[in-house]
Amino acid sequence: KALDHFADRFNPQTDEELIHYASLQCYIRIRYGTYKIEE
């Protein structure tokens, strides 16, 4: 059921849409990592 959920979510997306989604997730990582850098 979980695999089907992700297939329904991601299969219709173009490569550009997938990289956009993953890139937004990476931006969140950058923000959390900068907490320590700012400290």
PDB file of all heavy atoms in Angstrom:
ATOM      1  N   LYS A   1       0.838  -1.201   0.000  1.00  0.00           N
ATOM      2  CA  LYS A   1       0.000   0.000   0.000  1.00  0.00           C
ATOM      3  C   LYS A   1       0.877   1.256   0.000  1.00  0.00           C
ATOM      4  O   LYS A   1       0.601   2.213  -0.730  1.00  0.00           O
ATOM      5  CB  LYS A   1      -0.928  -0.005   1.211  1.00  0.00           C
ATOM      6  CG  LYS A   1      -1.905   1.137   1.240  1.00  0.00           C
ATOM      7  CD  LYS A   1      -2.870   1.008   2.410  1.00  0.00           C
ATOM      8  CE  LYS A   1      -3.818   2.198   2.409  1.00  0.00           C
ATOM      9  NZ  LYS A   1      -4.771   2.155   3.503  1.00  0.00           N
ATOM     10  N   ALA A   2       1.938   1.250   0.801  1.00  0.00           N
ATOM     11  CA  ALA A   2       2.851   2.393   0.846  1.00  0.00           C
ATOM     12  C   ALA A   2       3.576   2.566  -0.484  1.00  0.00           C
ATOM     13  O   ALA A   2       3.702   3.686  -0.998  1.00  0.00           O
ATOM     14  CB  ALA A   2       3.862   2.219   1.985  1.00  0.00           C
ATOM     15  N   LEU A   3       4.045   1.462  -1.062  1.00  0.00           N
ATOM     16  CA  LEU A   3       4.722   1.537  -2.363  1.00  0.00           C
ATOM     17  C   LEU A   3       3.773   2.051  -3.448  1.00  0.00           C
ATOM     18  O   LEU A   3       4.170   2.862  -4.299  1.00  0.00           O
ATOM     19  CB  LEU A   3       5.289   0.172  -2.744  1.00  0.00           C
ATOM     20  CG  LEU A   3       6.457  -0.332  -1.872  1.00  0.00           C
ATOM     21  CD1 LEU A   3       6.798  -1.773  -2.233  1.00  0.00           C
ATOM     22  CD2 LEU A   3       7.660   0.574  -1.994  1.00  0.00           C
ATOM     23  N   ASP A   4       2.525   1.612  -3.398  1.00  0.00           N
ATOM     24  CA  ASP A   4       1.525   2.093  -4.361  1.00  0.00           C
ATOM     25  C   ASP A   4       1.275   3.593  -4.184  1.00  0.00           C
ATOM     26  O   ASP A   4       1.110   4.322  -5.169  1.00  0.00           O
ATOM     27  CB  ASP A   4       0.207   1.328  -4.212  1.00  0.00           C
ATOM     28  CG  ASP A   4       0.310  -0.119  -4.669  1.00  0.00           C
ATOM     29  OD1 ASP A   4       1.290  -0.467  -5.374  1.00  0.00           O
ATOM     30  OD2 ASP A   4      -0.587  -0.918  -4.300  1.00  0.00           O
ATOM     31  N   HIS A   5       1.262   4.035  -2.927  1.00  0.00           N
ATOM     32  CA  HIS A   5       1.069   5.469  -2.650  1.00  0.00           C
ATOM     33  C   HIS A   5       2.166   6.296  -3.326  1.00  0.00           C
ATOM     34  O   HIS A   5       1.882   7.299  -3.993  1.00  0.00           O
ATOM     35  CB  HIS A   5       1.067   5.723  -1.137  1.00  0.00           C
ATOM     36  CG  HIS A   5       1.226   7.161  -0.784  1.00  0.00           C
ATOM     37  ND1 HIS A   5       0.187   8.064  -0.877  1.00  0.00           N
ATOM     38  CD2 HIS A   5       2.316   7.862  -0.358  1.00  0.00           C
ATOM     39  CE1 HIS A   5       0.626   9.258  -0.520  1.00  0.00           C
ATOM     40  NE2 HIS A   5       1.902   9.163  -0.198  1.00  0.00           N
ATOM     41  N   PHE A   6       3.418   5.868  -3.154  1.00  0.00           N
ATOM     42  CA  PHE A   6       4.527   6.618  -3.754  1.00  0.00           C
ATOM     43  C   PHE A   6       4.530   6.498  -5.276  1.00  0.00           C
ATOM     44  O   PHE A   6       4.876   7.456  -5.977  1.00  0.00           O
ATOM     45  CB  PHE A   6       5.859   6.196  -3.156  1.00  0.00           C
ATOM     46  CG  PHE A   6       6.021   6.660  -1.740  1.00  0.00           C
ATOM     47  CD1 PHE A   6       6.115   5.750  -0.705  1.00  0.00           C
ATOM     48  CD2 PHE A   6       6.048   8.010  -1.443  1.00  0.00           C
ATOM     49  CE1 PHE A   6       6.239   6.180   0.608  1.00  0.00           C
ATOM     50  CE2 PHE A   6       6.169   8.463  -0.137  1.00  0.00           C
ATOM     51  CZ  PHE A   6       6.262   7.544   0.896  1.00  0.00           C
ATOM     52  N   ALA A   7       4.133   5.365  -5.789  1.00  0.00           N
ATOM     53  CA  ALA A   7       4.040   5.206  -7.249  1.00  0.00           C
ATOM     54  C   ALA A   7       2.996   6.180  -7.795  1.00  0.00           C
ATOM     55  O   ALA A   7       3.240   6.854  -8.813  1.00  0.00           O
ATOM     56  CB  ALA A   7       3.685   3.767  -7.611  1.00  0.00           C
ATOM     57  N   ASP A   8       1.832   6.271  -7.128  1.00  0.00           N
ATOM     58  CA  ASP A   8       0.786   7.201  -7.566  1.00  0.00           C
ATOM     59  C   ASP A   8       1.258   8.649  -7.477  1.00  0.00           C
ATOM     60  O   ASP A   8       0.897   9.481  -8.300  1.00  0.00           O
ATOM     61  CB  ASP A   8      -0.480   7.036  -6.720  1.00  0.00           C
ATOM     62  CG  ASP A   8      -1.194   5.713  -6.957  1.00  0.00           C
ATOM     63  OD1 ASP A   8      -0.890   5.040  -7.974  1.00  0.00           O
ATOM     64  OD2 ASP A   8      -2.028   5.343  -6.107  1.00  0.00           O
ATOM     65  N   ARG A   9       2.064   8.932  -6.481  1.00  0.00           N
ATOM     66  CA  ARG A   9       2.540  10.303  -6.286  1.00  0.00           C
ATOM     67  C   ARG A   9       3.633  10.684  -7.276  1.00  0.00           C
ATOM     68  O   ARG A   9       3.627  11.780  -7.830  1.00  0.00           O
ATOM     69  CB  ARG A   9       3.051  10.468  -4.856  1.00  0.00           C
ATOM     70  CG  ARG A   9       3.571  11.855  -4.597  1.00  0.00           C
ATOM     71  CD  ARG A   9       3.931  12.074  -3.180  1.00  0.00           C
ATOM     72  NE  ARG A   9       4.394  13.442  -3.029  1.00  0.00           N
ATOM     73  CZ  ARG A   9       4.849  13.927  -1.922  1.00  0.00           C
ATOM     74  NH1 ARG A   9       4.902  13.179  -0.845  1.00  0.00           N
ATOM     75  NH2 ARG A   9       5.269  15.163  -1.850  1.00  0.00           N
ATOM     76  N   PHE A  10       4.621   9.807  -7.469  1.00  0.00           N
ATOM     77  CA  PHE A  10       5.809  10.193  -8.228  1.00  0.00           C
ATOM     78  C   PHE A  10       5.813   9.755  -9.693  1.00  0.00           C
ATOM     79  O   PHE A  10       6.439  10.414 -10.517  1.00  0.00           O
ATOM     80  CB  PHE A  10       7.074   9.666  -7.540  1.00  0.00           C
ATOM     81  CG  PHE A  10       7.336  10.306  -6.204  1.00  0.00           C
ATOM     82  CD1 PHE A  10       7.447   9.530  -5.059  1.00  0.00           C
ATOM     83  CD2 PHE A  10       7.464  11.671  -6.085  1.00  0.00           C
ATOM     84  CE1 PHE A  10       7.692  10.112  -3.829  1.00  0.00           C
ATOM     85  CE2 PHE A  10       7.702  12.281  -4.862  1.00  0.00           C
ATOM     86  CZ  PHE A  10       7.821  11.494  -3.726  1.00  0.00           C
ATOM     87  N   ASN A  11       5.180   8.659 -10.026  1.00  0.00           N
ATOM     88  CA  ASN A  11       5.229   8.180 -11.420  1.00  0.00           C
ATOM     89  C   ASN A  11       4.720   9.201 -12.441  1.00  0.00           C
ATOM     90  O   ASN A  11       5.300   9.317 -13.515  1.00  0.00           O
ATOM     91  CB  ASN A  11       4.500   6.851 -11.573  1.00  0.00           C
ATOM     92  CG  ASN A  11       5.329   5.692 -11.047  1.00  0.00           C
ATOM     93  OD1 ASN A  11       6.496   5.840 -10.712  1.00  0.00           O
ATOM     94  ND2 ASN A  11       4.711   4.535 -10.962  1.00  0.00           N
ATOM     95  N   PRO A  12       3.636   9.943 -12.139  1.00  0.00           N
ATOM     96  CA  PRO A  12       3.162  10.918 -13.136  1.00  0.00           C
ATOM     97  C   PRO A  12       4.083  12.129 -13.303  1.00  0.00           C
ATOM     98  O   PRO A  12       3.938  12.889 -14.256  1.00  0.00           O
ATOM     99  CB  PRO A  12       1.802  11.381 -12.591  1.00  0.00           C
ATOM    100  CG  PRO A  12       1.421  10.401 -11.539  1.00  0.00           C
ATOM    101  CD  PRO A  12       2.699   9.818 -11.025  1.00  0.00           C
ATOM    102  N   GLN A  13       5.028  12.321 -12.380  1.00  0.00           N
ATOM    103  CA  GLN A  13       5.865  13.513 -12.422  1.00  0.00           C
ATOM    104  C   GLN A  13       6.978  13.388 -13.459  1.00  0.00           C
ATOM    105  O   GLN A  13       7.532  12.310 -13.668  1.00  0.00           O
ATOM    106  CB  GLN A  13       6.468  13.787 -11.043  1.00  0.00           C
ATOM    107  CG  GLN A  13       5.424  14.164 -10.017  1.00  0.00           C
ATOM    108  CD  GLN A  13       6.039  14.603  -8.702  1.00  0.00           C
ATOM    109  OE1 GLN A  13       7.233  14.836  -8.602  1.00  0.00           O
ATOM    110  NE2 GLN A  13       5.213  14.729  -7.683  1.00  0.00           N
ATOM    111  N   THR A  14       7.301  14.516 -14.059  1.00  0.00           N
ATOM    112  CA  THR A  14       8.424  14.564 -14.999  1.00  0.00           C
ATOM    113  C   THR A  14       9.724  14.554 -14.204  1.00  0.00           C
ATOM    114  O   THR A  14       9.719  14.760 -12.982  1.00  0.00           O
ATOM    115  CB  THR A  14       8.381  15.849 -15.845  1.00  0.00           C
ATOM    116  OG1 THR A  14       8.588  16.979 -14.978  1.00  0.00           O
ATOM    117  CG2 THR A  14       7.066  15.981 -16.598  1.00  0.00           C
ATOM    118  N   ASP A  15      10.833  14.340 -14.882  1.00  0.00           N
ATOM    119  CA  ASP A  15      12.139  14.389 -14.214  1.00  0.00           C
ATOM    120  C   ASP A  15      12.367  15.748 -13.569  1.00  0.00           C
ATOM    121  O   ASP A  15      12.913  15.835 -12.464  1.00  0.00           O
ATOM    122  CB  ASP A  15      13.267  14.082 -15.204  1.00  0.00           C
ATOM    123  CG  ASP A  15      13.304  12.618 -15.608  1.00  0.00           C
ATOM    124  OD1 ASP A  15      12.675  11.783 -14.912  1.00  0.00           O
ATOM    125  OD2 ASP A  15      13.968  12.305 -16.612  1.00  0.00           O
ATOM    126  N   GLU A  16      11.937  16.815 -14.237  1.00  0.00           N
ATOM    127  CA  GLU A  16      12.098  18.165 -13.690  1.00  0.00           C
ATOM    128  C   GLU A  16      11.289  18.339 -12.401  1.00  0.00           C
ATOM    129  O   GLU A  16      11.759  18.950 -11.442  1.00  0.00           O
ATOM    130  CB  GLU A  16      11.689  19.231 -14.714  1.00  0.00           C
ATOM    131  CG  GLU A  16      12.613  19.345 -15.901  1.00  0.00           C
ATOM    132  CD  GLU A  16      12.373  18.276 -16.969  1.00  0.00           C
ATOM    133  OE1 GLU A  16      11.279  17.644 -16.995  1.00  0.00           O
ATOM    134  OE2 GLU A  16      13.288  18.037 -17.762  1.00  0.00           O
ATOM    135  N   GLU A  17      10.083  17.794 -12.375  1.00  0.00           N
ATOM    136  CA  GLU A  17       9.258  17.893 -11.173  1.00  0.00           C
ATOM    137  C   GLU A  17       9.847  17.081 -10.023  1.00  0.00           C
ATOM    138  O   GLU A  17       9.810  17.521  -8.857  1.00  0.00           O
ATOM    139  CB  GLU A  17       7.834  17.417 -11.473  1.00  0.00           C
ATOM    140  CG  GLU A  17       7.064  18.368 -12.379  1.00  0.00           C
ATOM    141  CD  GLU A  17       5.770  17.777 -12.892  1.00  0.00           C
ATOM    142  OE1 GLU A  17       5.680  16.540 -13.096  1.00  0.00           O
ATOM    143  OE2 GLU A  17       4.821  18.570 -13.108  1.00  0.00           O
ATOM    144  N   LEU A  18      10.404  15.921 -10.342  1.00  0.00           N
ATOM    145  CA  LEU A  18      11.029  15.099  -9.298  1.00  0.00           C
ATOM    146  C   LEU A  18      12.248  15.791  -8.700  1.00  0.00           C
ATOM    147  O   LEU A  18      12.438  15.788  -7.484  1.00  0.00           O
ATOM    148  CB  LEU A  18      11.429  13.735  -9.859  1.00  0.00           C
ATOM    149  CG  LEU A  18      10.301  12.747 -10.100  1.00  0.00           C
ATOM    150  CD1 LEU A  18      10.823  11.500 -10.799  1.00  0.00           C
ATOM    151  CD2 LEU A  18       9.606  12.385  -8.799  1.00  0.00           C
ATOM    152  N   ILE A  19      13.083  16.379  -9.548  1.00  0.00           N
ATOM    153  CA  ILE A  19      14.277  17.052  -9.027  1.00  0.00           C
ATOM    154  C   ILE A  19      13.877  18.305  -8.244  1.00  0.00           C
ATOM    155  O   ILE A  19      14.509  18.655  -7.255  1.00  0.00           O
ATOM    156  CB  ILE A  19      15.318  17.347 -10.135  1.00  0.00           C
ATOM    157  CG1 ILE A  19      16.700  17.598  -9.527  1.00  0.00           C
ATOM    158  CG2 ILE A  19      14.922  18.518 -10.990  1.00  0.00           C
ATOM    159  CD1 ILE A  19      17.337  16.416  -8.894  1.00  0.00           C
ATOM    160  N   HIS A  20      12.787  18.946  -8.658  1.00  0.00           N
ATOM    161  CA  HIS A  20      12.289  20.106  -7.908  1.00  0.00           C
ATOM    162  C   HIS A  20      11.853  19.682  -6.504  1.00  0.00           C
ATOM    163  O   HIS A  20      12.212  20.322  -5.518  1.00  0.00           O
ATOM    164  CB  HIS A  20      11.137  20.769  -8.654  1.00  0.00           C
ATOM    165  CG  HIS A  20      10.539  21.928  -7.936  1.00  0.00           C
ATOM    166  ND1 HIS A  20      11.180  23.143  -7.821  1.00  0.00           N
ATOM    167  CD2 HIS A  20       9.373  22.056  -7.256  1.00  0.00           C
ATOM    168  CE1 HIS A  20      10.432  23.967  -7.115  1.00  0.00           C
ATOM    169  NE2 HIS A  20       9.331  23.334  -6.754  1.00  0.00           N
ATOM    170  N   TYR A  21      11.091  18.598  -6.432  1.00  0.00           N
ATOM    171  CA  TYR A  21      10.650  18.068  -5.131  1.00  0.00           C
ATOM    172  C   TYR A  21      11.860  17.739  -4.247  1.00  0.00           C
ATOM    173  O   TYR A  21      11.940  18.161  -3.094  1.00  0.00           O
ATOM    174  CB  TYR A  21       9.781  16.817  -5.336  1.00  0.00           C
ATOM    175  CG  TYR A  21       9.651  15.969  -4.092  1.00  0.00           C
ATOM    176  CD1 TYR A  21       8.766  16.318  -3.089  1.00  0.00           C
ATOM    177  CD2 TYR A  21      10.438  14.826  -3.918  1.00  0.00           C
ATOM    178  CE1 TYR A  21       8.654  15.556  -1.940  1.00  0.00           C
ATOM    179  CE2 TYR A  21      10.335  14.060  -2.777  1.00  0.00           C
ATOM    180  CZ  TYR A  21       9.444  14.428  -1.788  1.00  0.00           C
ATOM    181  OH  TYR A  21       9.354  13.687  -0.654  1.00  0.00           O
ATOM    182  N   ALA A  22      12.807  16.988  -4.794  1.00  0.00           N
ATOM    183  CA  ALA A  22      13.977  16.579  -4.011  1.00  0.00           C
ATOM    184  C   ALA A  22      14.834  17.783  -3.636  1.00  0.00           C
ATOM    185  O   ALA A  22      15.383  17.840  -2.529  1.00  0.00           O
ATOM    186  CB  ALA A  22      14.795  15.551  -4.788  1.00  0.00           C
ATOM    187  N   SER A  23      14.928  18.759  -4.525  1.00  0.00           N
ATOM    188  CA  SER A  23      15.720  19.964  -4.234  1.00  0.00           C
ATOM    189  C   SER A  23      15.111  20.742  -3.072  1.00  0.00           C
ATOM    190  O   SER A  23      15.837  21.232  -2.206  1.00  0.00           O
ATOM    191  CB  SER A  23      15.805  20.861  -5.466  1.00  0.00           C
ATOM    192  OG  SER A  23      16.518  20.218  -6.487  1.00  0.00           O
ATOM    193  N   LEU A  24      13.789  20.855  -3.049  1.00  0.00           N
ATOM    194  CA  LEU A  24      13.147  21.537  -1.924  1.00  0.00           C
ATOM    195  C   LEU A  24      13.447  20.821  -0.608  1.00  0.00           C
ATOM    196  O   LEU A  24      13.661  21.452   0.426  1.00  0.00           O
ATOM    197  CB  LEU A  24      11.633  21.636  -2.147  1.00  0.00           C
ATOM    198  CG  LEU A  24      11.192  22.577  -3.259  1.00  0.00           C
ATOM    199  CD1 LEU A  24       9.678  22.505  -3.437  1.00  0.00           C
ATOM    200  CD2 LEU A  24      11.636  23.997  -2.996  1.00  0.00           C
ATOM    201  N   GLN A  25      13.471  19.501  -0.643  1.00  0.00           N
ATOM    202  CA  GLN A  25      13.824  18.736   0.550  1.00  0.00           C
ATOM    203  C   GLN A  25      15.266  19.038   0.981  1.00  0.00           C
ATOM    204  O   GLN A  25      15.564  19.106   2.163  1.00  0.00           O
ATOM    205  CB  GLN A  25      13.643  17.240   0.297  1.00  0.00           C
ATOM    206  CG  GLN A  25      12.211  16.826   0.044  1.00  0.00           C
ATOM    207  CD  GLN A  25      11.321  17.142   1.238  1.00  0.00           C
ATOM    208  OE1 GLN A  25      11.594  16.719   2.350  1.00  0.00           O
ATOM    209  NE2 GLN A  25      10.273  17.901   1.004  1.00  0.00           N
ATOM    210  N   CYS A  26      16.143  19.216   0.006  1.00  0.00           N
ATOM    211  CA  CYS A  26      17.545  19.537   0.307  1.00  0.00           C
ATOM    212  C   CYS A  26      17.674  20.915   0.944  1.00  0.00           C
ATOM    213  O   CYS A  26      18.501  21.118   1.832  1.00  0.00           O
ATOM    214  CB  CYS A  26      18.406  19.459  -0.949  1.00  0.00           C
ATOM    215  SG  CYS A  26      18.634  17.767  -1.530  1.00  0.00           S
ATOM    216  N   TYR A  27      16.864  21.872   0.510  1.00  0.00           N
ATOM    217  CA  TYR A  27      16.915  23.210   1.103  1.00  0.00           C
ATOM    218  C   TYR A  27      16.607  23.148   2.594  1.00  0.00           C
ATOM    219  O   TYR A  27      17.204  23.867   3.397  1.00  0.00           O
ATOM    220  CB  TYR A  27      15.938  24.160   0.413  1.00  0.00           C
ATOM    221  CG  TYR A  27      16.259  24.447  -1.032  1.00  0.00           C
ATOM    222  CD1 TYR A  27      15.255  24.635  -1.958  1.00  0.00           C
ATOM    223  CD2 TYR A  27      17.574  24.524  -1.477  1.00  0.00           C
ATOM    224  CE1 TYR A  27      15.541  24.892  -3.292  1.00  0.00           C
ATOM    225  CE2 TYR A  27      17.869  24.775  -2.803  1.00  0.00           C
ATOM    226  CZ  TYR A  27      16.852  24.959  -3.701  1.00  0.00           C
ATOM    227  OH  TYR A  27      17.136  25.216  -5.009  1.00  0.00           O
ATOM    228  N   ILE A  28      15.670  22.290   2.961  1.00  0.00           N
ATOM    229  CA  ILE A  28      15.345  22.123   4.381  1.00  0.00           C
ATOM    230  C   ILE A  28      16.568  21.610   5.138  1.00  0.00           C
ATOM    231  O   ILE A  28      16.879  22.063   6.233  1.00  0.00           O
ATOM    232  CB  ILE A  28      14.136  21.181   4.557  1.00  0.00           C
ATOM    233  CG1 ILE A  28      12.892  21.810   3.924  1.00  0.00           C
ATOM    234  CG2 ILE A  28      13.894  20.863   6.030  1.00  0.00           C
ATOM    235  CD1 ILE A  28      11.719  20.849   3.795  1.00  0.00           C
ATOM    236  N   ARG A  29      17.291  20.660   4.543  1.00  0.00           N
ATOM    237  CA  ARG A  29      18.499  20.130   5.179  1.00  0.00           C
ATOM    238  C   ARG A  29      19.524  21.238   5.400  1.00  0.00           C
ATOM    239  O   ARG A  29      20.171  21.311   6.424  1.00  0.00           O
ATOM    240  CB  ARG A  29      19.201  19.068   4.326  1.00  0.00           C
ATOM    241  CG  ARG A  29      18.409  17.896   3.819  1.00  0.00           C
ATOM    242  CD  ARG A  29      17.831  16.992   4.868  1.00  0.00           C
ATOM    243  NE  ARG A  29      16.775  17.535   5.645  1.00  0.00           N
ATOM    244  CZ  ARG A  29      15.489  17.663   5.272  1.00  0.00           C
ATOM    245  NH1 ARG A  29      15.080  17.265   4.111  1.00  0.00           N
ATOM    246  NH2 ARG A  29      14.594  18.170   6.070  1.00  0.00           N
ATOM    247  N   ILE A  30      19.672  22.082   4.398  1.00  0.00           N
ATOM    248  CA  ILE A  30      20.633  23.182   4.500  1.00  0.00           C
ATOM    249  C   ILE A  30      20.284  24.066   5.690  1.00  0.00           C
ATOM    250  O   ILE A  30      21.148  24.448   6.471  1.00  0.00           O
ATOM    251  CB  ILE A  30      20.668  24.004   3.189  1.00  0.00           C
ATOM    252  CG1 ILE A  30      21.255  23.156   2.058  1.00  0.00           C
ATOM    253  CG2 ILE A  30      21.455  25.294   3.368  1.00  0.00           C
ATOM    254  CD1 ILE A  30      21.057  23.745   0.670  1.00  0.00           C
ATOM    255  N   ARG A  31      19.007  24.366   5.854  1.00  0.00           N
ATOM    256  CA  ARG A  31      18.589  25.238   6.956  1.00  0.00           C
ATOM    257  C   ARG A  31      18.906  24.609   8.305  1.00  0.00           C
ATOM    258  O   ARG A  31      19.415  25.273   9.190  1.00  0.00           O
ATOM    259  CB  ARG A  31      17.093  25.547   6.845  1.00  0.00           C
ATOM    260  CG  ARG A  31      16.630  26.504   7.893  1.00  0.00           C
ATOM    261  CD  ARG A  31      17.327  27.853   7.733  1.00  0.00           C
ATOM    262  NE  ARG A  31      17.281  28.595   8.965  1.00  0.00           N
ATOM    263  CZ  ARG A  31      18.313  29.212   9.515  1.00  0.00           C
ATOM    264  NH1 ARG A  31      19.482  29.207   8.937  1.00  0.00           N
ATOM    265  NH2 ARG A  31      18.188  29.862  10.626  1.00  0.00           N
ATOM    266  N   TYR A  32      18.616  23.340   8.467  1.00  0.00           N
ATOM    267  CA  TYR A  32      18.913  22.698   9.745  1.00  0.00           C
ATOM    268  C   TYR A  32      20.420  22.641   9.993  1.00  0.00           C
ATOM    269  O   TYR A  32      20.872  22.819  11.114  1.00  0.00           O
ATOM    270  CB  TYR A  32      18.294  21.296   9.810  1.00  0.00           C
ATOM    271  CG  TYR A  32      16.850  21.319  10.208  1.00  0.00           C
ATOM    272  CD1 TYR A  32      15.853  21.453   9.258  1.00  0.00           C
ATOM    273  CD2 TYR A  32      16.473  21.229  11.538  1.00  0.00           C
ATOM    274  CE1 TYR A  32      14.514  21.488   9.620  1.00  0.00           C
ATOM    275  CE2 TYR A  32      15.141  21.262  11.909  1.00  0.00           C
ATOM    276  CZ  TYR A  32      14.166  21.400  10.942  1.00  0.00           C
ATOM    277  OH  TYR A  32      12.848  21.438  11.309  1.00  0.00           O
ATOM    278  N   GLY A  33      21.193  22.379   8.972  1.00  0.00           N
ATOM    279  CA  GLY A  33      22.647  22.346   9.128  1.00  0.00           C
ATOM    280  C   GLY A  33      23.227  23.700   9.465  1.00  0.00           C
ATOM    281  O   GLY A  33      24.207  23.803  10.203  1.00  0.00           O
ATOM    282  N   THR A  34      22.604  24.767   8.967  1.00  0.00           N
ATOM    283  CA  THR A  34      23.141  26.102   9.245  1.00  0.00           C
ATOM    284  C   THR A  34      22.907  26.532  10.683  1.00  0.00           C
ATOM    285  O   THR A  34      23.560  27.446  11.156  1.00  0.00           O
ATOM    286  CB  THR A  34      22.566  27.161   8.284  1.00  0.00           C
ATOM    287  OG1 THR A  34      21.148  27.167   8.381  1.00  0.00           O
ATOM    288  CG2 THR A  34      23.011  26.924   6.863  1.00  0.00           C
ATOM    289  N   TYR A  35      21.986  25.879  11.390  1.00  0.00           N
ATOM    290  CA  TYR A  35      21.835  26.210  12.810  1.00  0.00           C
ATOM    291  C   TYR A  35      23.169  26.054  13.531  1.00  0.00           C
ATOM    292  O   TYR A  35      23.577  26.904  14.306  1.00  0.00           O
ATOM    293  CB  TYR A  35      20.777  25.324  13.482  1.00  0.00           C
ATOM    294  CG  TYR A  35      19.363  25.625  13.097  1.00  0.00           C
ATOM    295  CD1 TYR A  35      18.440  24.607  12.952  1.00  0.00           C
ATOM    296  CD2 TYR A  35      18.925  26.926  12.882  1.00  0.00           C
ATOM    297  CE1 TYR A  35      17.131  24.865  12.601  1.00  0.00           C
ATOM    298  CE2 TYR A  35      17.627  27.201  12.526  1.00  0.00           C
ATOM    299  CZ  TYR A  35      16.733  26.165  12.393  1.00  0.00           C
ATOM    300  OH  TYR A  35      15.434  26.434  12.045  1.00  0.00           O
ATOM    301  N   LYS A  36      23.864  24.954  13.290  1.00  0.00           N
ATOM    302  CA  LYS A  36      25.143  24.716  13.942  1.00  0.00           C
ATOM    303  C   LYS A  36      26.199  25.692  13.420  1.00  0.00           C
ATOM    304  O   LYS A  36      27.000  26.212  14.189  1.00  0.00           O
ATOM    305  CB  LYS A  36      25.603  23.271  13.719  1.00  0.00           C
ATOM    306  CG  LYS A  36      26.904  22.934  14.407  1.00  0.00           C
ATOM    307  CD  LYS A  36      26.809  23.093  15.910  1.00  0.00           C
ATOM    308  CE  LYS A  36      28.120  22.789  16.599  1.00  0.00           C
ATOM    309  NZ  LYS A  36      28.055  23.033  18.027  1.00  0.00           N
ATOM    310  N   ILE A  37      26.181  25.957  12.127  1.00  0.00           N
ATOM    311  CA  ILE A  37      27.144  26.898  11.553  1.00  0.00           C
ATOM    312  C   ILE A  37      26.936  28.282  12.155  1.00  0.00           C
ATOM    313  O   ILE A  37      27.899  28.953  12.536  1.00  0.00           O
ATOM    314  CB  ILE A  37      27.009  26.926  10.016  1.00  0.00           C
ATOM    315  CG1 ILE A  37      27.398  25.559   9.447  1.00  0.00           C
ATOM    316  CG2 ILE A  37      27.860  28.033   9.411  1.00  0.00           C
ATOM    317  CD1 ILE A  37      27.013  25.359   7.994  1.00  0.00           C
ATOM    318  N   GLU A  38      25.671  28.717  12.270  1.00  0.00           N
ATOM    319  CA  GLU A  38      25.384  30.021  12.861  1.00  0.00           C
ATOM    320  C   GLU A  38      25.832  30.065  14.317  1.00  0.00           C
ATOM    321  O   GLU A  38      26.345  31.075  14.778  1.00  0.00           O
ATOM    322  CB  GLU A  38      23.896  30.335  12.751  1.00  0.00           C
ATOM    323  CG  GLU A  38      23.466  30.648  11.343  1.00  0.00           C
ATOM    324  CD  GLU A  38      21.961  30.744  11.193  1.00  0.00           C
ATOM    325  OE1 GLU A  38      21.230  30.480  12.177  1.00  0.00           O
ATOM    326  OE2 GLU A  38      21.520  31.079  10.094  1.00  0.00           O
ATOM    327  N   GLU A  39      25.649  28.976  15.020  1.00  0.00           N
ATOM    328  CA  GLU A  39      26.097  28.905  16.413  1.00  0.00           C
ATOM    329  C   GLU A  39      27.606  29.113  16.497  1.00  0.00           C
ATOM    330  O   GLU A  39      28.091  29.865  17.330  1.00  0.00           O
ATOM    331  CB  GLU A  39      25.710  27.537  16.988  1.00  0.00           C
ATOM    332  CG  GLU A  39      26.111  27.318  18.424  1.00  0.00           C
ATOM    333  CD  GLU A  39      25.768  25.894  18.854  1.00  0.00           C
ATOM    334  OE1 GLU A  39      24.608  25.485  18.728  1.00  0.00           O
ATOM    335  OE2 GLU A  39      26.696  25.199  19.314  1.00  0.00           O
TER     336      GLU A  39
END
